[in-house]
PDB file of N, CA and C in Angstrom:
ATOM      1  N   MET A   1      12.234  11.068   0.478  1.00  0.00           N
ATOM      2  CA  MET A   1      11.567   9.824   0.062  1.00  0.00           C
ATOM      3  C   MET A   1      10.102   9.787   0.176  1.00  0.00           C
ATOM      4  N   ARG A   2       9.521   9.566  -1.122  1.00  0.00           N
ATOM      5  CA  ARG A   2       8.235   9.761  -1.113  1.00  0.00           C
ATOM      6  C   ARG A   2       7.640   8.052  -1.102  1.00  0.00           C
ATOM      7  N   ARG A   3       6.810   7.836  -0.124  1.00  0.00           N
ATOM      8  CA  ARG A   3       6.243   6.293   0.109  1.00  0.00           C
ATOM      9  C   ARG A   3       4.855   6.494   0.038  1.00  0.00           C
ATOM     10  N   VAL A   4       4.237   5.458  -0.576  1.00  0.00           N
ATOM     11  CA  VAL A   4       2.782   5.320  -0.765  1.00  0.00           C
ATOM     12  C   VAL A   4       2.184   3.769  -0.389  1.00  0.00           C
ATOM     13  N   ALA A   5       1.332   3.736   0.184  1.00  0.00           N
ATOM     14  CA  ALA A   5       0.573   2.544   0.740  1.00  0.00           C
ATOM     15  C   ALA A   5      -0.500   2.132  -0.351  1.00  0.00           C
ATOM     16  N   VAL A   6      -0.628   1.173  -0.886  1.00  0.00           N
ATOM     17  CA  VAL A   6      -1.700   0.669  -1.607  1.00  0.00           C
ATOM     18  C   VAL A   6      -2.511  -0.426  -0.972  1.00  0.00           C
ATOM     19  N   LEU A   7      -3.939  -0.113  -0.629  1.00  0.00           N
ATOM     20  CA  LEU A   7      -4.704  -1.065   0.005  1.00  0.00           C
ATOM     21  C   LEU A   7      -5.294  -1.890  -0.954  1.00  0.00           C
ATOM     22  N   GLY A   8      -4.781  -3.196  -1.029  1.00  0.00           N
ATOM     23  CA  GLY A   8      -5.462  -4.261  -2.018  1.00  0.00           C
ATOM     24  C   GLY A   8      -4.614  -4.321  -3.341  1.00  0.00           C
ATOM     25  N   ALA A   9      -4.174  -5.503  -3.553  1.00  0.00           N
ATOM     26  CA  ALA A   9      -3.364  -5.809  -4.721  1.00  0.00           C
ATOM     27  C   ALA A   9      -4.044  -5.468  -5.921  1.00  0.00           C
ATOM     28  N   ALA A  10      -5.449  -5.508  -5.987  1.00  0.00           N
ATOM     29  CA  ALA A  10      -6.118  -5.302  -7.199  1.00  0.00           C
ATOM     30  C   ALA A  10      -5.932  -3.332  -7.523  1.00  0.00           C
ATOM     31  N   ALA A  11      -5.629  -2.873  -6.483  1.00  0.00           N
ATOM     32  CA  ALA A  11      -5.596  -1.162  -6.612  1.00  0.00           C
ATOM     33  C   ALA A  11      -4.223  -0.805  -7.218  1.00  0.00           C
ATOM     34  N   VAL A  12      -3.282  -1.813  -7.209  1.00  0.00           N
ATOM     35  CA  VAL A  12      -1.974  -1.318  -8.005  1.00  0.00           C
ATOM     36  C   VAL A  12      -1.949  -0.895  -9.417  1.00  0.00           C
ATOM     37  N   ASP A  13      -1.697   0.362  -9.546  1.00  0.00           N
ATOM     38  CA  ASP A  13      -1.700   1.069 -10.712  1.00  0.00           C
ATOM     39  C   ASP A  13      -0.359   1.575 -11.057  1.00  0.00           C
ATOM     40  N   PRO A  14       0.607   1.221 -12.165  1.00  0.00           N
ATOM     41  CA  PRO A  14       1.676   1.655 -12.248  1.00  0.00           C
ATOM     42  C   PRO A  14       1.824   3.313 -12.553  1.00  0.00           C
ATOM     43  N   GLN A  15       0.684   3.963 -12.920  1.00  0.00           N
ATOM     44  CA  GLN A  15       0.467   5.371 -13.140  1.00  0.00           C
ATOM     45  C   GLN A  15       0.550   6.069 -11.820  1.00  0.00           C
ATOM     46  N   VAL A  16      -0.145   5.492 -10.938  1.00  0.00           N
ATOM     47  CA  VAL A  16      -0.443   6.100  -9.647  1.00  0.00           C
ATOM     48  C   VAL A  16       0.887   6.166  -8.961  1.00  0.00           C
ATOM     49  N   VAL A  17       1.646   5.202  -8.891  1.00  0.00           N
ATOM     50  CA  VAL A  17       2.824   5.221  -8.281  1.00  0.00           C
ATOM     51  C   VAL A  17       4.084   5.743  -9.094  1.00  0.00           C
ATOM     52  N   ASP A  18       3.837   6.379 -10.122  1.00  0.00           N
ATOM     53  CA  ASP A  18       5.001   7.016 -10.994  1.00  0.00           C
ATOM     54  C   ASP A  18       5.545   8.143 -10.084  1.00  0.00           C
ATOM     55  N   GLY A  19       6.899   8.083  -9.841  1.00  0.00           N
ATOM     56  CA  GLY A  19       7.582   9.142  -9.126  1.00  0.00           C
ATOM     57  C   GLY A  19       7.627   8.890  -7.642  1.00  0.00           C
ATOM     58  N   VAL A  20       7.194   7.518  -7.229  1.00  0.00           N
ATOM     59  CA  VAL A  20       7.186   7.262  -5.945  1.00  0.00           C
ATOM     60  C   VAL A  20       8.506   6.310  -5.598  1.00  0.00           C
ATOM     61  N   ASP A  21       9.279   6.604  -4.384  1.00  0.00           N
ATOM     62  CA  ASP A  21      10.329   5.872  -4.084  1.00  0.00           C
ATOM     63  C   ASP A  21      10.169   4.473  -3.492  1.00  0.00           C
ATOM     64  N   GLU A  22       9.026   4.413  -2.813  1.00  0.00           N
ATOM     65  CA  GLU A  22       8.554   3.043  -2.408  1.00  0.00           C
ATOM     66  C   GLU A  22       7.060   2.792  -2.107  1.00  0.00           C
ATOM     67  N   VAL A  23       6.847   1.648  -2.642  1.00  0.00           N
ATOM     68  CA  VAL A  23       5.210   1.423  -2.476  1.00  0.00           C
ATOM     69  C   VAL A  23       5.112   0.182  -1.681  1.00  0.00           C
ATOM     70  N   ILE A  24       4.265   0.126  -0.593  1.00  0.00           N
ATOM     71  CA  ILE A  24       3.863  -0.772   0.135  1.00  0.00           C
ATOM     72  C   ILE A  24       2.558  -1.289  -0.102  1.00  0.00           C
ATOM     73  N   VAL A  25       2.371  -2.368  -0.678  1.00  0.00           N
ATOM     74  CA  VAL A  25       0.942  -3.233  -1.041  1.00  0.00           C
ATOM     75  C   VAL A  25       0.702  -3.947   0.080  1.00  0.00           C
ATOM     76  N   LEU A  26      -0.468  -3.731   0.648  1.00  0.00           N
ATOM     77  CA  LEU A  26      -1.236  -4.505   1.845  1.00  0.00           C
ATOM     78  C   LEU A  26      -2.401  -5.295   1.221  1.00  0.00           C
ATOM     79  N   ASP A  27      -2.665  -6.454   1.673  1.00  0.00           N
ATOM     80  CA  ASP A  27      -3.830  -7.060   1.051  1.00  0.00           C
ATOM     81  C   ASP A  27      -3.923  -8.176   2.086  1.00  0.00           C
ATOM     82  N   PRO A  28      -5.338  -8.646   2.462  1.00  0.00           N
ATOM     83  CA  PRO A  28      -5.259  -9.780   3.275  1.00  0.00           C
ATOM     84  C   PRO A  28      -5.095 -11.325   2.712  1.00  0.00           C
ATOM     85  N   SER A  29      -4.942 -11.313   1.673  1.00  0.00           N
ATOM     86  CA  SER A  29      -4.494 -12.751   0.786  1.00  0.00           C
ATOM     87  C   SER A  29      -3.337 -12.702   0.257  1.00  0.00           C
ATOM     88  N   PRO A  30      -2.668 -13.965   0.920  1.00  0.00           N
ATOM     89  CA  PRO A  30      -1.401 -14.296   0.450  1.00  0.00           C
ATOM     90  C   PRO A  30      -1.196 -14.555  -1.032  1.00  0.00           C
ATOM     91  N   GLY A  31      -2.358 -15.309  -1.401  1.00  0.00           N
ATOM     92  CA  GLY A  31      -2.448 -15.568  -3.054  1.00  0.00           C
ATOM     93  C   GLY A  31      -2.383 -14.313  -3.791  1.00  0.00           C
ATOM     94  N   ALA A  32      -3.148 -13.214  -3.386  1.00  0.00           N
ATOM     95  CA  ALA A  32      -3.064 -11.964  -4.243  1.00  0.00           C
ATOM     96  C   ALA A  32      -2.025 -11.422  -4.154  1.00  0.00           C
ATOM     97  N   LEU A  33      -1.102 -11.264  -3.167  1.00  0.00           N
ATOM     98  CA  LEU A  33       0.064 -10.928  -3.055  1.00  0.00           C
ATOM     99  C   LEU A  33       1.213 -11.530  -3.663  1.00  0.00           C
ATOM    100  N   LEU A  34       1.079 -12.960  -3.795  1.00  0.00           N
ATOM    101  CA  LEU A  34       2.115 -13.820  -4.563  1.00  0.00           C
ATOM    102  C   LEU A  34       1.934 -13.587  -6.115  1.00  0.00           C
ATOM    103  N   GLU A  35       0.577 -13.557  -6.428  1.00  0.00           N
ATOM    104  CA  GLU A  35       0.268 -13.183  -7.865  1.00  0.00           C
ATOM    105  C   GLU A  35       0.829 -11.990  -8.318  1.00  0.00           C
ATOM    106  N   LEU A  36       0.509 -10.888  -7.517  1.00  0.00           N
ATOM    107  CA  LEU A  36       1.139  -9.395  -8.054  1.00  0.00           C
ATOM    108  C   LEU A  36       2.792  -9.395  -8.003  1.00  0.00           C
ATOM    109  N   LEU A  37       3.414 -10.218  -6.954  1.00  0.00           N
ATOM    110  CA  LEU A  37       4.850 -10.316  -6.932  1.00  0.00           C
ATOM    111  C   LEU A  37       5.508 -11.012  -8.139  1.00  0.00           C
ATOM    112  N   ALA A  38       4.688 -11.785  -8.659  1.00  0.00           N
ATOM    113  CA  ALA A  38       4.914 -12.631 -10.040  1.00  0.00           C
ATOM    114  C   ALA A  38       4.981 -11.749 -11.122  1.00  0.00           C
ATOM    115  N   ARG A  39       3.996 -10.558 -11.147  1.00  0.00           N
ATOM    116  CA  ARG A  39       3.797  -9.773 -12.089  1.00  0.00           C
ATOM    117  C   ARG A  39       4.829  -8.480 -11.971  1.00  0.00           C
ATOM    118  N   VAL A  40       4.874  -7.873 -10.784  1.00  0.00           N
ATOM    119  CA  VAL A  40       5.546  -6.708 -10.541  1.00  0.00           C
ATOM    120  C   VAL A  40       7.037  -7.081 -10.144  1.00  0.00           C
ATOM    121  N   ARG A  41       8.131  -6.753 -10.938  1.00  0.00           N
ATOM    122  CA  ARG A  41       9.468  -6.792 -10.809  1.00  0.00           C
ATOM    123  C   ARG A  41      10.020  -5.440 -10.638  1.00  0.00           C
ATOM    124  N   ASP A  42       9.841  -4.939  -9.545  1.00  0.00           N
ATOM    125  CA  ASP A  42      10.250  -3.453  -9.402  1.00  0.00           C
ATOM    126  C   ASP A  42      10.704  -3.529  -7.746  1.00  0.00           C
ATOM    127  N   ALA A  43      11.910  -3.146  -7.660  1.00  0.00           N
ATOM    128  CA  ALA A  43      12.449  -3.287  -6.229  1.00  0.00           C
ATOM    129  C   ALA A  43      11.907  -2.357  -5.359  1.00  0.00           C
ATOM    130  N   ARG A  44      11.105  -1.092  -5.851  1.00  0.00           N
ATOM    131  CA  ARG A  44      10.365  -0.163  -4.996  1.00  0.00           C
ATOM    132  C   ARG A  44       9.107  -0.805  -4.242  1.00  0.00           C
ATOM    133  N   TYR A  45       8.705  -1.917  -4.750  1.00  0.00           N
ATOM    134  CA  TYR A  45       7.619  -2.495  -4.051  1.00  0.00           C
ATOM    135  C   TYR A  45       8.029  -3.540  -2.771  1.00  0.00           C
ATOM    136  N   ALA A  46       7.017  -3.334  -1.867  1.00  0.00           N
ATOM    137  CA  ALA A  46       7.130  -4.310  -0.729  1.00  0.00           C
ATOM    138  C   ALA A  46       5.647  -4.727  -0.632  1.00  0.00           C
ATOM    139  N   PHE A  47       5.639  -6.125  -0.013  1.00  0.00           N
ATOM    140  CA  PHE A  47       4.326  -6.615   0.023  1.00  0.00           C
ATOM    141  C   PHE A  47       3.886  -7.117   1.387  1.00  0.00           C
ATOM    142  N   LEU A  48       2.671  -6.765   1.912  1.00  0.00           N
ATOM    143  CA  LEU A  48       2.681  -7.115   3.264  1.00  0.00           C
ATOM    144  C   LEU A  48       1.065  -7.605   3.523  1.00  0.00           C
ATOM    145  N   LEU A  49       1.090  -8.455   4.352  1.00  0.00           N
ATOM    146  CA  LEU A  49      -0.374  -9.124   4.743  1.00  0.00           C
ATOM    147  C   LEU A  49      -0.968  -7.858   5.707  1.00  0.00           C
ATOM    148  N   GLY A  50      -2.282  -7.415   5.347  1.00  0.00           N
ATOM    149  CA  GLY A  50      -2.998  -6.432   6.115  1.00  0.00           C
ATOM    150  C   GLY A  50      -4.016  -5.802   5.502  1.00  0.00           C
ATOM    151  N   GLU A  51      -4.948  -5.361   6.184  1.00  0.00           N
ATOM    152  CA  GLU A  51      -6.185  -4.652   5.682  1.00  0.00           C
ATOM    153  C   GLU A  51      -6.765  -3.638   7.008  1.00  0.00           C
ATOM    154  N   LEU A  52      -7.534  -2.758   6.393  1.00  0.00           N
ATOM    155  CA  LEU A  52      -8.253  -1.876   7.526  1.00  0.00           C
ATOM    156  C   LEU A  52      -9.180  -2.945   8.268  1.00  0.00           C
ATOM    157  N   PRO A  53      -9.265  -2.709   9.690  1.00  0.00           N
ATOM    158  CA  PRO A  53      -9.235  -1.670  10.306  1.00  0.00           C
ATOM    159  C   PRO A  53      -7.769  -1.136  10.958  1.00  0.00           C
ATOM    160  N   VAL A  54      -6.897  -2.403  10.967  1.00  0.00           N
ATOM    161  CA  VAL A  54      -5.577  -2.158  11.514  1.00  0.00           C
ATOM    162  C   VAL A  54      -4.529  -2.308  10.602  1.00  0.00           C
ATOM    163  N   LEU A  55      -3.673  -1.639  10.278  1.00  0.00           N
ATOM    164  CA  LEU A  55      -2.485  -1.695   9.130  1.00  0.00           C
ATOM    165  C   LEU A  55      -1.207  -1.894   9.795  1.00  0.00           C
ATOM    166  N   PRO A  56      -0.471  -2.957   9.402  1.00  0.00           N
ATOM    167  CA  PRO A  56       0.786  -3.063  10.089  1.00  0.00           C
ATOM    168  C   PRO A  56       1.982  -2.116   9.645  1.00  0.00           C
ATOM    169  N   LEU A  57       1.577  -0.899   9.824  1.00  0.00           N
ATOM    170  CA  LEU A  57       2.703   0.309   9.491  1.00  0.00           C
ATOM    171  C   LEU A  57       2.831   1.285  10.474  1.00  0.00           C
ATOM    172  N   PRO A  58       3.932   1.756  10.942  1.00  0.00           N
ATOM    173  CA  PRO A  58       4.165   2.803  11.883  1.00  0.00           C
ATOM    174  C   PRO A  58       3.450   4.004  11.622  1.00  0.00           C
ATOM    175  N   ASP A  59       3.251   4.773  12.534  1.00  0.00           N
ATOM    176  CA  ASP A  59       2.759   6.073  12.495  1.00  0.00           C
ATOM    177  C   ASP A  59       3.352   7.033  11.642  1.00  0.00           C
ATOM    178  N   ALA A  60       2.921   7.616  10.726  1.00  0.00           N
ATOM    179  CA  ALA A  60       3.120   8.978   9.863  1.00  0.00           C
ATOM    180  C   ALA A  60       4.305   8.201   9.087  1.00  0.00           C
ATOM    181  N   TRP A  61       3.846   7.100   8.432  1.00  0.00           N
ATOM    182  CA  TRP A  61       4.985   6.381   7.614  1.00  0.00           C
ATOM    183  C   TRP A  61       4.885   6.706   6.172  1.00  0.00           C
ATOM    184  N   VAL A  62       3.592   6.862   5.474  1.00  0.00           N
ATOM    185  CA  VAL A  62       3.494   7.037   4.184  1.00  0.00           C
ATOM    186  C   VAL A  62       2.925   8.635   3.943  1.00  0.00           C
ATOM    187  N   ASP A  63       3.176   8.931   2.641  1.00  0.00           N
ATOM    188  CA  ASP A  63       2.757  10.344   2.158  1.00  0.00           C
ATOM    189  C   ASP A  63       1.429  10.273   1.522  1.00  0.00           C
ATOM    190  N   ASP A  64       0.938   9.133   1.049  1.00  0.00           N
ATOM    191  CA  ASP A  64      -0.247   8.891   0.408  1.00  0.00           C
ATOM    192  C   ASP A  64      -0.777   7.385   0.684  1.00  0.00           C
ATOM    193  N   VAL A  65      -1.948   7.277   0.603  1.00  0.00           N
ATOM    194  CA  VAL A  65      -2.872   6.001   0.480  1.00  0.00           C
ATOM    195  C   VAL A  65      -3.732   5.981  -0.628  1.00  0.00           C
ATOM    196  N   VAL A  66      -3.548   4.637  -1.626  1.00  0.00           N
ATOM    197  CA  VAL A  66      -4.147   4.415  -2.589  1.00  0.00           C
ATOM    198  C   VAL A  66      -5.000   3.462  -2.359  1.00  0.00           C
ATOM    199  N   GLY A  67      -6.423   3.366  -3.095  1.00  0.00           N
ATOM    200  CA  GLY A  67      -7.313   2.374  -2.835  1.00  0.00           C
ATOM    201  C   GLY A  67      -8.054   2.260  -1.616  1.00  0.00           C
ATOM    202  N   ALA A  68      -8.206   3.480  -0.887  1.00  0.00           N
ATOM    203  CA  ALA A  68      -8.803   3.656   0.493  1.00  0.00           C
ATOM    204  C   ALA A  68     -10.193   4.399   0.080  1.00  0.00           C
ATOM    205  N   GLU A  69     -11.166   3.532   0.563  1.00  0.00           N
ATOM    206  CA  GLU A  69     -12.434   4.000   0.258  1.00  0.00           C
ATOM    207  C   GLU A  69     -12.919   4.940   1.747  1.00  0.00           C
ATOM    208  N   GLY A  70     -12.411   4.530   2.925  1.00  0.00           N
ATOM    209  CA  GLY A  70     -12.760   5.211   4.139  1.00  0.00           C
ATOM    210  C   GLY A  70     -11.826   6.416   4.403  1.00  0.00           C
ATOM    211  N   VAL A  71     -11.751   7.446   3.582  1.00  0.00           N
ATOM    212  CA  VAL A  71     -10.870   8.620   3.560  1.00  0.00           C
ATOM    213  C   VAL A  71     -10.768   9.141   4.893  1.00  0.00           C
ATOM    214  N   GLY A  72     -11.699   9.074   5.955  1.00  0.00           N
ATOM    215  CA  GLY A  72     -11.645   9.733   7.134  1.00  0.00           C
ATOM    216  C   GLY A  72     -11.316   8.667   8.197  1.00  0.00           C
ATOM    217  N   ASP A  73     -11.044   7.428   7.718  1.00  0.00           N
ATOM    218  CA  ASP A  73     -10.612   6.415   8.674  1.00  0.00           C
ATOM    219  C   ASP A  73      -9.498   7.052   9.555  1.00  0.00           C
ATOM    220  N   PRO A  74      -9.522   6.638  10.989  1.00  0.00           N
ATOM    221  CA  PRO A  74      -8.478   7.151  11.742  1.00  0.00           C
ATOM    222  C   PRO A  74      -7.320   6.221  11.607  1.00  0.00           C
ATOM    223  N   GLU A  75      -7.302   5.140  11.184  1.00  0.00           N
ATOM    224  CA  GLU A  75      -6.170   4.358  10.775  1.00  0.00           C
ATOM    225  C   GLU A  75      -5.307   5.000   9.606  1.00  0.00           C
ATOM    226  N   LEU A  76      -6.087   5.486   8.556  1.00  0.00           N
ATOM    227  CA  LEU A  76      -5.408   5.919   7.457  1.00  0.00           C
ATOM    228  C   LEU A  76      -4.755   7.251   7.952  1.00  0.00           C
ATOM    229  N   ALA A  77      -5.328   8.182   8.856  1.00  0.00           N
ATOM    230  CA  ALA A  77      -4.730   9.293   9.509  1.00  0.00           C
ATOM    231  C   ALA A  77      -3.650   8.980  10.042  1.00  0.00           C
ATOM    232  N   ARG A  78      -3.699   7.914  10.810  1.00  0.00           N
ATOM    233  CA  ARG A  78      -2.441   7.504  11.793  1.00  0.00           C
ATOM    234  C   ARG A  78      -0.997   7.055  11.050  1.00  0.00           C
ATOM    235  N   ILE A  79      -1.331   6.548   9.744  1.00  0.00           N
ATOM    236  CA  ILE A  79      -0.374   6.084   8.849  1.00  0.00           C
ATOM    237  C   ILE A  79       0.183   7.173   8.175  1.00  0.00           C
ATOM    238  N   ARG A  80      -0.505   8.088   7.774  1.00  0.00           N
ATOM    239  CA  ARG A  80      -0.191   9.491   6.903  1.00  0.00           C
ATOM    240  C   ARG A  80       0.870  10.243   7.586  1.00  0.00           C
ATOM    241  N   ARG A  81       1.596  10.917   6.780  1.00  0.00           N
ATOM    242  CA  ARG A  81       2.614  11.873   7.505  1.00  0.00           C
ATOM    243  C   ARG A  81       1.877  13.231   7.365  1.00  0.00           C
TER     244      ARG A  81
END
């Protein structure tokens, strides 16, 4: 199973997640997540409140992170497989 985390509702791009089994969208704004939920009708998507520096995901949970500027961030390393 290929799983991707997307940091920020604005960073969701259908082409980036093509071929992905699960997409976890994290955003600190409930409004942004609700707006995205209304537009994206895809069972592969999950929507969570969250942002760096602490993400509400288990260790080694995702294969990739989209929308992350801090590539060397230890929190991103923690959630990647």
